C-alpha atoms as a PDB file:
ATOM      1  CA  UNK A   1      31.011   4.302 -19.757  1.00  0.00           C
ATOM      2  CA  UNK A   2      28.625   4.155 -16.790  1.00  0.00           C
ATOM      3  CA  UNK A   3      27.192   7.520 -15.798  1.00  0.00           C
ATOM      4  CA  UNK A   4      28.079   7.949 -12.126  1.00  0.00           C
ATOM      5  CA  UNK A   5      26.542  11.393 -11.743  1.00  0.00           C
ATOM      6  CA  UNK A   6      23.329   9.899 -10.373  1.00  0.00           C
ATOM      7  CA  UNK A   7      22.404   6.578  -8.705  1.00  0.00           C
ATOM      8  CA  UNK A   8      21.742   3.832 -11.235  1.00  0.00           C
ATOM      9  CA  UNK A   9      18.618   2.790  -9.265  1.00  0.00           C
ATOM     10  CA  UNK A  10      16.872   6.082 -10.012  1.00  0.00           C
ATOM     11  CA  UNK A  11      14.713   5.938 -13.106  1.00  0.00           C
ATOM     12  CA  UNK A  12      13.033   8.881 -14.781  1.00  0.00           C
ATOM     13  CA  UNK A  13       9.268   8.990 -14.443  1.00  0.00           C
ATOM     14  CA  UNK A  14       7.255   8.064 -17.510  1.00  0.00           C
ATOM     15  CA  UNK A  15       5.059  10.564 -19.307  1.00  0.00           C
ATOM     16  CA  UNK A  16       1.988   8.566 -18.277  1.00  0.00           C
ATOM     17  CA  UNK A  17       3.064   8.748 -14.620  1.00  0.00           C
ATOM     18  CA  UNK A  18       3.465  12.518 -14.868  1.00  0.00           C
ATOM     19  CA  UNK A  19       0.050  12.898 -16.483  1.00  0.00           C
ATOM     20  CA  UNK A  20      -1.450  10.646 -13.817  1.00  0.00           C
ATOM     21  CA  UNK A  21       0.050  12.723 -10.986  1.00  0.00           C
ATOM     22  CA  UNK A  22      -1.180  15.958 -12.541  1.00  0.00           C
ATOM     23  CA  UNK A  23      -4.720  14.693 -13.044  1.00  0.00           C
ATOM     24  CA  UNK A  24      -4.865  13.061  -9.618  1.00  0.00           C
ATOM     25  CA  UNK A  25      -3.772  16.294  -7.953  1.00  0.00           C
ATOM     26  CA  UNK A  26      -6.330  18.269  -9.958  1.00  0.00           C
ATOM     27  CA  UNK A  27      -9.063  15.892  -8.808  1.00  0.00           C
ATOM     28  CA  UNK A  28      -7.971  15.890  -5.150  1.00  0.00           C
ATOM     29  CA  UNK A  29      -7.623  19.678  -5.027  1.00  0.00           C
ATOM     30  CA  UNK A  30     -10.913  20.296  -6.772  1.00  0.00           C
ATOM     31  CA  UNK A  31      -9.559  21.830  -9.966  1.00  0.00           C
ATOM     32  CA  UNK A  32     -11.451  19.013 -11.682  1.00  0.00           C
ATOM     33  CA  UNK A  33     -14.950  18.762 -10.212  1.00  0.00           C
ATOM     34  CA  UNK A  34     -17.144  15.669  -9.804  1.00  0.00           C
ATOM     35  CA  UNK A  35     -18.940  14.816 -13.051  1.00  0.00           C
ATOM     36  CA  UNK A  36     -16.703  17.176 -15.053  1.00  0.00           C
ATOM     37  CA  UNK A  37     -15.804  15.704 -18.455  1.00  0.00           C
ATOM     38  CA  UNK A  38     -12.169  14.828 -19.140  1.00  0.00           C
ATOM     39  CA  UNK A  39     -11.203  14.749 -22.799  1.00  0.00           C
ATOM     40  CA  UNK A  40      -8.070  12.912 -23.878  1.00  0.00           C
ATOM     41  CA  UNK A  41      -7.434  15.155 -26.877  1.00  0.00           C
ATOM     42  CA  UNK A  42      -7.643  18.373 -24.853  1.00  0.00           C
ATOM     43  CA  UNK A  43      -5.259  17.117 -22.176  1.00  0.00           C
ATOM     44  CA  UNK A  44      -2.806  15.780 -24.746  1.00  0.00           C
ATOM     45  CA  UNK A  45      -2.803  19.092 -26.581  1.00  0.00           C
ATOM     46  CA  UNK A  46      -2.411  21.136 -23.402  1.00  0.00           C
ATOM     47  CA  UNK A  47       0.515  19.011 -22.183  1.00  0.00           C
ATOM     48  CA  UNK A  48       2.057  18.565 -25.632  1.00  0.00           C
ATOM     49  CA  UNK A  49       2.020  14.777 -25.366  1.00  0.00           C
ATOM     50  CA  UNK A  50       0.418  12.023 -27.399  1.00  0.00           C
ATOM     51  CA  UNK A  51      -2.949  10.607 -26.400  1.00  0.00           C
ATOM     52  CA  UNK A  52      -1.395   7.274 -25.370  1.00  0.00           C
ATOM     53  CA  UNK A  53       0.053   8.395 -21.996  1.00  0.00           C
ATOM     54  CA  UNK A  54      -3.142  10.322 -21.289  1.00  0.00           C
ATOM     55  CA  UNK A  55      -5.184   7.178 -21.929  1.00  0.00           C
ATOM     56  CA  UNK A  56      -2.860   5.165 -19.669  1.00  0.00           C
ATOM     57  CA  UNK A  57      -3.205   7.764 -16.906  1.00  0.00           C
ATOM     58  CA  UNK A  58      -7.002   7.745 -17.191  1.00  0.00           C
ATOM     59  CA  UNK A  59      -7.116   3.954 -16.989  1.00  0.00           C
ATOM     60  CA  UNK A  60      -5.059   4.082 -13.804  1.00  0.00           C
ATOM     61  CA  UNK A  61      -7.340   6.766 -12.363  1.00  0.00           C
ATOM     62  CA  UNK A  62     -10.330   4.623 -13.307  1.00  0.00           C
ATOM     63  CA  UNK A  63      -8.855   1.636 -11.465  1.00  0.00           C
ATOM     64  CA  UNK A  64      -8.694   3.814  -8.348  1.00  0.00           C
ATOM     65  CA  UNK A  65     -12.277   4.977  -8.817  1.00  0.00           C
ATOM     66  CA  UNK A  66     -11.316   8.604  -9.437  1.00  0.00           C
ATOM     67  CA  UNK A  67     -12.791   8.764 -12.936  1.00  0.00           C
ATOM     68  CA  UNK A  68     -15.665   6.942 -14.588  1.00  0.00           C
ATOM     69  CA  UNK A  69     -15.082   5.835 -18.165  1.00  0.00           C
ATOM     70  CA  UNK A  70     -18.148   5.325 -20.351  1.00  0.00           C
ATOM     71  CA  UNK A  71     -17.123   3.792 -23.696  1.00  0.00           C
ATOM     72  CA  UNK A  72     -19.910   5.470 -25.668  1.00  0.00           C
ATOM     73  CA  UNK A  73     -19.979   8.862 -23.962  1.00  0.00           C
ATOM     74  CA  UNK A  74     -16.517   9.614 -22.579  1.00  0.00           C
ATOM     75  CA  UNK A  75     -14.789  10.055 -19.233  1.00  0.00           C
ATOM     76  CA  UNK A  76     -15.924  12.106 -16.237  1.00  0.00           C
ATOM     77  CA  UNK A  77     -14.521  12.808 -12.791  1.00  0.00           C
ATOM     78  CA  UNK A  78     -16.083  10.386 -10.314  1.00  0.00           C
ATOM     79  CA  UNK A  79     -18.096  11.704  -7.381  1.00  0.00           C
ATOM     80  CA  UNK A  80     -16.675  11.479  -3.866  1.00  0.00           C
ATOM     81  CA  UNK A  81     -18.006   8.086  -2.788  1.00  0.00           C
ATOM     82  CA  UNK A  82     -18.757   7.554   0.888  1.00  0.00           C
ATOM     83  CA  UNK A  83     -17.756   3.892   0.906  1.00  0.00           C
ATOM     84  CA  UNK A  84     -14.347   4.726  -0.581  1.00  0.00           C
ATOM     85  CA  UNK A  85     -13.743   7.430   2.020  1.00  0.00           C
ATOM     86  CA  UNK A  86     -14.685   5.118   4.898  1.00  0.00           C
ATOM     87  CA  UNK A  87     -12.439   2.343   3.618  1.00  0.00           C
ATOM     88  CA  UNK A  88      -9.510   4.726   3.176  1.00  0.00           C
ATOM     89  CA  UNK A  89     -10.018   6.188   6.649  1.00  0.00           C
ATOM     90  CA  UNK A  90      -9.992   2.736   8.223  1.00  0.00           C
ATOM     91  CA  UNK A  91      -6.749   1.753   6.517  1.00  0.00           C
ATOM     92  CA  UNK A  92      -5.116   5.098   7.220  1.00  0.00           C
ATOM     93  CA  UNK A  93      -6.022   4.957  10.907  1.00  0.00           C
ATOM     94  CA  UNK A  94      -4.645   1.436  11.322  1.00  0.00           C
ATOM     95  CA  UNK A  95      -1.314   2.473   9.801  1.00  0.00           C
ATOM     96  CA  UNK A  96      -0.851   5.993  11.174  1.00  0.00           C
ATOM     97  CA  UNK A  97      -1.775   5.226  14.771  1.00  0.00           C
ATOM     98  CA  UNK A  98       0.856   2.478  14.834  1.00  0.00           C
ATOM     99  CA  UNK A  99       3.371   4.825  13.185  1.00  0.00           C
ATOM    100  CA  UNK A 100       2.640   7.386  15.902  1.00  0.00           C
ATOM    101  CA  UNK A 101       3.318   4.807  18.582  1.00  0.00           C
ATOM    102  CA  UNK A 102       6.689   4.026  17.034  1.00  0.00           C
ATOM    103  CA  UNK A 103       7.517   7.702  16.542  1.00  0.00           C
ATOM    104  CA  UNK A 104       6.707   8.514  20.163  1.00  0.00           C
ATOM    105  CA  UNK A 105       9.299   5.992  21.315  1.00  0.00           C
ATOM    106  CA  UNK A 106      12.176   7.298  19.212  1.00  0.00           C
ATOM    107  CA  UNK A 107      11.408  10.954  18.430  1.00  0.00           C
ATOM    108  CA  UNK A 108      14.412  13.239  18.780  1.00  0.00           C
ATOM    109  CA  UNK A 109      14.417  16.922  19.589  1.00  0.00           C
ATOM    110  CA  UNK A 110      15.094  17.752  15.943  1.00  0.00           C
ATOM    111  CA  UNK A 111      11.941  15.847  14.979  1.00  0.00           C
ATOM    112  CA  UNK A 112       9.848  17.766  17.491  1.00  0.00           C
ATOM    113  CA  UNK A 113      11.273  21.071  16.301  1.00  0.00           C
ATOM    114  CA  UNK A 114      10.597  20.189  12.658  1.00  0.00           C
ATOM    115  CA  UNK A 115       6.971  19.340  13.421  1.00  0.00           C
ATOM    116  CA  UNK A 116       6.560  22.509  15.483  1.00  0.00           C
ATOM    117  CA  UNK A 117       7.864  24.561  12.552  1.00  0.00           C
ATOM    118  CA  UNK A 118       5.313  22.962  10.223  1.00  0.00           C
ATOM    119  CA  UNK A 119       2.559  23.814  12.691  1.00  0.00           C
ATOM    120  CA  UNK A 120       3.743  27.399  12.903  1.00  0.00           C
ATOM    121  CA  UNK A 121       3.594  27.708   9.128  1.00  0.00           C
ATOM    122  CA  UNK A 122       0.128  26.147   9.135  1.00  0.00           C
ATOM    123  CA  UNK A 123      -1.053  28.864  11.521  1.00  0.00           C
ATOM    124  CA  UNK A 124       0.378  31.499   9.206  1.00  0.00           C
ATOM    125  CA  UNK A 125      -1.220  30.095   6.065  1.00  0.00           C
ATOM    126  CA  UNK A 126      -4.579  29.760   7.848  1.00  0.00           C
ATOM    127  CA  UNK A 127      -4.416  33.433   8.813  1.00  0.00           C
ATOM    128  CA  UNK A 128      -3.887  34.268   5.134  1.00  0.00           C
ATOM    129  CA  UNK A 129      -6.689  31.901   4.059  1.00  0.00           C
ATOM    130  CA  UNK A 130      -4.279  30.030   1.802  1.00  0.00           C
ATOM    131  CA  UNK A 131      -6.109  26.737   2.070  1.00  0.00           C
ATOM    132  CA  UNK A 132      -4.188  24.939  -0.636  1.00  0.00           C
ATOM    133  CA  UNK A 133      -0.907  25.584   1.175  1.00  0.00           C
ATOM    134  CA  UNK A 134      -2.579  24.718   4.484  1.00  0.00           C
ATOM    135  CA  UNK A 135      -3.598  21.348   3.064  1.00  0.00           C
ATOM    136  CA  UNK A 136      -0.086  20.742   1.700  1.00  0.00           C
ATOM    137  CA  UNK A 137       1.351  21.443   5.159  1.00  0.00           C
ATOM    138  CA  UNK A 138      -1.163  19.054   6.683  1.00  0.00           C
ATOM    139  CA  UNK A 139       0.277  16.357   4.429  1.00  0.00           C
ATOM    140  CA  UNK A 140       3.823  17.461   5.326  1.00  0.00           C
ATOM    141  CA  UNK A 141       3.067  17.221   9.057  1.00  0.00           C
ATOM    142  CA  UNK A 142       1.834  13.645   8.769  1.00  0.00           C
ATOM    143  CA  UNK A 143       4.664  12.612   6.473  1.00  0.00           C
ATOM    144  CA  UNK A 144       7.191  14.044   8.934  1.00  0.00           C
ATOM    145  CA  UNK A 145       5.809  11.718  11.598  1.00  0.00           C
ATOM    146  CA  UNK A 146       6.363   8.770   9.260  1.00  0.00           C
ATOM    147  CA  UNK A 147       9.924  10.009   8.797  1.00  0.00           C
ATOM    148  CA  UNK A 148      10.387  10.252  12.559  1.00  0.00           C
ATOM    149  CA  UNK A 149       9.303   6.621  12.893  1.00  0.00           C
ATOM    150  CA  UNK A 150      11.557   5.583   9.984  1.00  0.00           C
ATOM    151  CA  UNK A 151       8.463   4.460   8.054  1.00  0.00           C
ATOM    152  CA  UNK A 152       8.495   6.641   4.933  1.00  0.00           C
ATOM    153  CA  UNK A 153       7.989   3.599   2.717  1.00  0.00           C
ATOM    154  CA  UNK A 154       4.669   3.004   4.482  1.00  0.00           C
ATOM    155  CA  UNK A 155       3.657   6.597   3.758  1.00  0.00           C
ATOM    156  CA  UNK A 156       4.365   6.035   0.080  1.00  0.00           C
ATOM    157  CA  UNK A 157       2.249   2.882   0.068  1.00  0.00           C
ATOM    158  CA  UNK A 158      -0.673   4.807   1.537  1.00  0.00           C
ATOM    159  CA  UNK A 159      -0.750   7.479  -1.177  1.00  0.00           C
ATOM    160  CA  UNK A 160      -3.164   5.783  -3.567  1.00  0.00           C
ATOM    161  CA  UNK A 161      -5.310   4.503  -0.694  1.00  0.00           C
ATOM    162  CA  UNK A 162      -5.709   8.010   0.734  1.00  0.00           C
ATOM    163  CA  UNK A 163      -6.775   9.635  -2.514  1.00  0.00           C
ATOM    164  CA  UNK A 164     -10.525   9.375  -1.913  1.00  0.00           C
ATOM    165  CA  UNK A 165     -10.062  10.555   1.649  1.00  0.00           C
ATOM    166  CA  UNK A 166      -7.907  13.454   0.504  1.00  0.00           C
ATOM    167  CA  UNK A 167     -10.621  14.736  -1.836  1.00  0.00           C
ATOM    168  CA  UNK A 168     -12.951  15.211   1.103  1.00  0.00           C
ATOM    169  CA  UNK A 169     -10.185  16.515   3.357  1.00  0.00           C
ATOM    170  CA  UNK A 170      -9.404  19.303   0.928  1.00  0.00           C
ATOM    171  CA  UNK A 171     -13.071  20.267   0.724  1.00  0.00           C
ATOM    172  CA  UNK A 172     -13.348  20.496   4.504  1.00  0.00           C
ATOM    173  CA  UNK A 173     -10.275  22.680   5.100  1.00  0.00           C
ATOM    174  CA  UNK A 174     -12.357  25.484   3.619  1.00  0.00           C
ATOM    175  CA  UNK A 175     -15.132  25.014   6.178  1.00  0.00           C
ATOM    176  CA  UNK A 176     -15.425  27.637   8.954  1.00  0.00           C
ATOM    177  CA  UNK A 177     -13.212  26.872  11.973  1.00  0.00           C
ATOM    178  CA  UNK A 178     -11.892  23.656  10.430  1.00  0.00           C
ATOM    179  CA  UNK A 179      -8.281  24.896  10.085  1.00  0.00           C
ATOM    180  CA  UNK A 180      -8.262  25.811  13.796  1.00  0.00           C
ATOM    181  CA  UNK A 181      -9.564  22.347  14.675  1.00  0.00           C
ATOM    182  CA  UNK A 182      -6.873  20.693  12.565  1.00  0.00           C
ATOM    183  CA  UNK A 183      -4.012  22.648  14.127  1.00  0.00           C
ATOM    184  CA  UNK A 184      -5.406  22.023  17.621  1.00  0.00           C
ATOM    185  CA  UNK A 185      -5.471  18.292  16.896  1.00  0.00           C
ATOM    186  CA  UNK A 186      -1.950  18.472  15.471  1.00  0.00           C
ATOM    187  CA  UNK A 187      -0.723  20.160  18.654  1.00  0.00           C
ATOM    188  CA  UNK A 188      -2.152  17.328  20.749  1.00  0.00           C
ATOM    189  CA  UNK A 189      -0.280  14.812  18.590  1.00  0.00           C
ATOM    190  CA  UNK A 190       2.913  16.844  18.878  1.00  0.00           C
ATOM    191  CA  UNK A 191       2.555  17.104  22.667  1.00  0.00           C
ATOM    192  CA  UNK A 192       2.328  13.330  22.919  1.00  0.00           C
ATOM    193  CA  UNK A 193       5.388  12.882  20.728  1.00  0.00           C
ATOM    194  CA  UNK A 194       7.379  15.459  22.704  1.00  0.00           C
ATOM    195  CA  UNK A 195       6.501  13.697  25.977  1.00  0.00           C
ATOM    196  CA  UNK A 196       7.291  10.274  24.483  1.00  0.00           C
ATOM    197  CA  UNK A 197       3.814   9.282  25.659  1.00  0.00           C
ATOM    198  CA  UNK A 198       2.829   6.441  23.359  1.00  0.00           C
ATOM    199  CA  UNK A 199      -0.762   6.150  24.578  1.00  0.00           C
ATOM    200  CA  UNK A 200      -1.438   9.896  24.418  1.00  0.00           C
ATOM    201  CA  UNK A 201       0.057  10.198  20.945  1.00  0.00           C
ATOM    202  CA  UNK A 202      -1.967   7.264  19.626  1.00  0.00           C
ATOM    203  CA  UNK A 203      -5.162   8.641  21.164  1.00  0.00           C
ATOM    204  CA  UNK A 204      -4.565  12.116  19.732  1.00  0.00           C
ATOM    205  CA  UNK A 205      -3.955  10.694  16.267  1.00  0.00           C
ATOM    206  CA  UNK A 206      -7.054   8.492  16.501  1.00  0.00           C
ATOM    207  CA  UNK A 207      -9.238  11.469  17.410  1.00  0.00           C
ATOM    208  CA  UNK A 208      -7.692  13.506  14.610  1.00  0.00           C
ATOM    209  CA  UNK A 209      -8.206  10.888  11.910  1.00  0.00           C
ATOM    210  CA  UNK A 210     -11.784  10.119  12.945  1.00  0.00           C
ATOM    211  CA  UNK A 211     -13.017  13.685  12.516  1.00  0.00           C
ATOM    212  CA  UNK A 212     -13.541  12.950   8.817  1.00  0.00           C
ATOM    213  CA  UNK A 213     -16.195  10.409   9.857  1.00  0.00           C
ATOM    214  CA  UNK A 214     -18.046  13.219  11.637  1.00  0.00           C
ATOM    215  CA  UNK A 215     -17.821  15.202   8.402  1.00  0.00           C
ATOM    216  CA  UNK A 216     -19.353  12.306   6.479  1.00  0.00           C
ATOM    217  CA  UNK A 217     -22.136  12.016   9.032  1.00  0.00           C
ATOM    218  CA  UNK A 218     -22.884  15.743   8.764  1.00  0.00           C
ATOM    219  CA  UNK A 219     -22.890  15.598   4.967  1.00  0.00           C
ATOM    220  CA  UNK A 220     -25.180  12.577   4.877  1.00  0.00           C
ATOM    221  CA  UNK A 221     -27.631  14.178   7.298  1.00  0.00           C
ATOM    222  CA  UNK A 222     -28.062  17.296   5.164  1.00  0.00           C
ATOM    223  CA  UNK A 223     -31.324  17.567   3.233  1.00  0.00           C
ATOM    224  CA  UNK A 224     -30.852  16.521  -0.372  1.00  0.00           C
END
């Protein structure tokens, strides 16, 4: 008999997919540092899985450039590579600015209120110096705009692309005054959406997304 307790289109995630998500999050959030070794056996033992799904997850991470696999010496977390960040920023900007334009045309009051609530929580977490939660809310704010524009599928497609960008974004939320800058930029985006001002919303999002390029410039200009 067909099980009707859940949609037949929903499939459980594979073990390799779960391992991949865990390792990707650890890399993005800095729990795994650049050049840190990753050992299949240790991960498999810690997660109580075989080495096969761990190997599959590492191969997928390697294809994204998040780990470097050296056949004779093992696997290490890849450094944050400038060219990957720039490419991801370009793609993200092209997609999110257009999404903002669409959202500004159809945003409802409930959408504006939901975004305002996220911003309020961001202020609270910044005051408590909970930067991991602050970063998570940053992601939630942007995803809520995709939802407002009825473009959540596009947000999902961007996830792998944004990974390199997200590594640097998480580093910078810990910089002095950066959380205040982020929430100020978010408020400008929200103001444009609330006013249904397509041009203002697109401009505010463009400014917001390009700040990471200023970060790259500052990092590259530092003495080595």
